[in-house]
Amino acid sequence: MNNSLLHVGIQISRNDFDNFYCKVLGFVQDRSFELTDDNALKIFQNEKGTSVLVGCIPELPLELFVSEDVLNKSFNHICFESDRIVDIESRARKSAYRKVFLEHSGTLFISDSYNNLFEIKPLK
């Protein structure tokens, strides 16, 4: 079976867009669109539409759903391998975002202010 990841959609705050996604993870925006109230309700069972910023960090295509409504914490996370883990960890160390670096495995866990958690493993 062949599967391909097309994108991951997550809810973020507008402030995290520049400070976390662009400056820490290196997100590059390709386009944006408005998710209408009608489609938000049909697709996500959410009564309020929002702006969606489409692009990618070098390792992962993302759709960032900009909203100021904070969700509850969960075990949800996105895991990917990167050959830039040292650079990301260095930038994360200089930020106020929550991060955990597991030296024994070289794995970095970093999250934005909405608790969107990224597990970044060193590329093998």
Protein backbone atom coordinates (compact mmCIF):
# COMPACT_ATOMS: atom_id res chain seq x y z
CA MET A 1 0.00 0.00 0.00
CA ASN A 2 1.34 3.44 -0.92
CA ASN A 3 0.24 6.45 1.09
CA SER A 4 1.37 10.05 0.88
CA LEU A 5 0.88 12.80 3.39
CA LEU A 6 -0.67 15.79 1.63
CA HIS A 7 -0.91 18.15 4.59
CA VAL A 8 -1.70 18.45 8.27
CA GLY A 9 -4.32 20.97 9.41
CA ILE A 10 -4.02 22.49 12.88
CA GLN A 11 -5.58 25.40 14.74
CA ILE A 12 -3.17 28.19 15.74
CA SER A 13 -3.22 31.73 17.12
CA ARG A 14 -2.33 34.62 14.83
CA ASN A 15 0.56 35.57 17.15
CA ASP A 16 2.06 32.07 16.87
CA PHE A 17 2.06 32.31 13.07
CA ASP A 18 5.05 34.68 12.94
CA ASN A 19 6.72 33.87 16.26
CA PHE A 20 6.52 30.07 16.19
CA TYR A 21 5.67 28.77 12.72
CA CYS A 22 7.75 31.24 10.67
CA LYS A 23 10.63 32.08 13.02
CA VAL A 24 11.12 28.73 14.79
CA LEU A 25 9.93 26.10 12.28
CA GLY A 26 10.60 28.04 9.05
CA PHE A 27 7.03 27.98 7.65
CA VAL A 28 6.72 29.43 4.14
CA GLN A 29 3.21 30.50 3.12
CA ASP A 30 2.07 29.64 -0.42
CA ARG A 31 -1.50 30.94 -0.26
CA SER A 32 -4.45 31.59 2.02
CA PHE A 33 -8.20 31.18 1.88
CA GLU A 34 -11.27 31.80 4.02
CA LEU A 35 -13.11 28.82 5.42
CA THR A 36 -16.74 29.97 5.36
CA ASP A 37 -19.08 29.53 8.32
CA ASP A 38 -21.14 27.12 6.19
CA ASN A 39 -18.17 24.90 5.27
CA ALA A 40 -16.77 25.07 8.83
CA LEU A 41 -20.07 23.67 10.08
CA LYS A 42 -20.38 21.01 7.34
CA ILE A 43 -16.79 19.76 7.50
CA PHE A 44 -15.61 20.41 11.07
CA GLN A 45 -18.91 20.86 12.98
CA ASN A 46 -17.63 24.29 14.00
CA GLU A 47 -20.09 27.17 13.68
CA LYS A 48 -17.46 29.80 12.95
CA GLY A 49 -15.28 29.98 9.82
CA THR A 50 -11.69 31.20 9.87
CA SER A 51 -8.68 32.19 7.80
CA VAL A 52 -6.50 29.31 6.59
CA LEU A 53 -2.81 29.86 5.75
CA VAL A 54 -1.42 27.20 3.40
CA GLY A 55 2.28 26.46 3.03
CA CYS A 56 4.94 24.24 4.48
CA ILE A 57 7.87 23.91 6.76
CA PRO A 58 10.67 22.17 4.85
CA GLU A 59 9.60 18.76 6.16
CA LEU A 60 5.81 19.02 6.22
CA PRO A 61 2.92 20.65 4.32
CA LEU A 62 0.55 22.47 6.71
CA GLU A 63 -2.82 24.17 6.73
CA LEU A 64 -2.89 26.58 9.68
CA PHE A 65 -6.43 27.39 10.88
CA VAL A 66 -6.15 30.79 12.57
CA SER A 67 -8.49 31.12 15.55
CA GLU A 68 -8.37 32.77 18.95
CA ASP A 69 -10.39 29.99 20.64
CA VAL A 70 -7.99 27.80 22.65
CA LEU A 71 -8.80 24.09 22.70
CA ASN A 72 -8.25 21.63 25.54
CA LYS A 73 -4.93 19.85 25.82
CA SER A 74 -4.62 16.42 24.20
CA PHE A 75 -2.15 13.74 23.21
CA ASN A 76 -2.31 14.89 19.57
CA HIS A 77 1.03 15.61 17.94
CA ILE A 78 2.81 15.66 14.60
CA CYS A 79 6.01 13.68 14.28
CA PHE A 80 8.57 14.04 11.51
CA GLU A 81 12.27 13.51 10.89
CA SER A 82 14.55 16.42 10.08
CA ASP A 83 18.17 17.06 9.23
CA ARG A 84 17.65 20.56 10.72
CA ILE A 85 16.97 19.42 14.30
CA VAL A 86 20.07 21.17 15.71
CA ASP A 87 19.04 24.46 14.07
CA ILE A 88 15.41 24.14 15.21
CA GLU A 89 16.48 23.25 18.77
CA SER A 90 18.83 26.26 18.84
CA ARG A 91 16.04 28.65 17.75
CA ALA A 92 13.60 27.00 20.16
CA ARG A 93 16.03 27.47 23.06
CA LYS A 94 15.90 31.26 22.38
CA SER A 95 12.07 31.32 22.37
CA ALA A 96 9.51 31.25 25.16
CA TYR A 97 7.77 28.19 23.70
CA ARG A 98 7.61 24.93 25.65
CA LYS A 99 10.24 22.47 24.55
CA VAL A 100 11.70 19.17 25.71
CA PHE A 101 14.90 17.76 24.23
CA LEU A 102 15.63 14.09 24.87
CA GLU A 103 19.40 13.91 24.61
CA HIS A 104 19.54 10.09 24.60
CA SER A 105 17.50 9.91 21.38
CA GLY A 106 18.13 13.39 19.96
CA THR A 107 14.36 13.95 19.78
CA LEU A 108 12.93 17.45 20.24
CA PHE A 109 9.37 18.07 21.42
CA ILE A 110 8.18 21.66 20.91
CA SER A 111 4.73 23.22 21.13
CA ASP A 112 3.09 26.52 20.35
CA SER A 113 0.82 28.43 22.76
CA TYR A 114 -2.20 26.30 21.67
CA ASN A 115 -0.33 23.12 22.68
CA ASN A 116 0.09 21.92 19.08
CA LEU A 117 2.93 19.52 19.74
CA PHE A 118 5.69 18.62 17.29
CA GLU A 119 7.96 15.62 17.85
CA ILE A 120 11.06 16.12 15.71
CA LYS A 121 13.41 13.16 15.36
CA PRO A 122 16.89 13.33 13.86
CA LEU A 123 17.03 12.13 10.26
CA LYS A 124 18.59 8.69 10.07
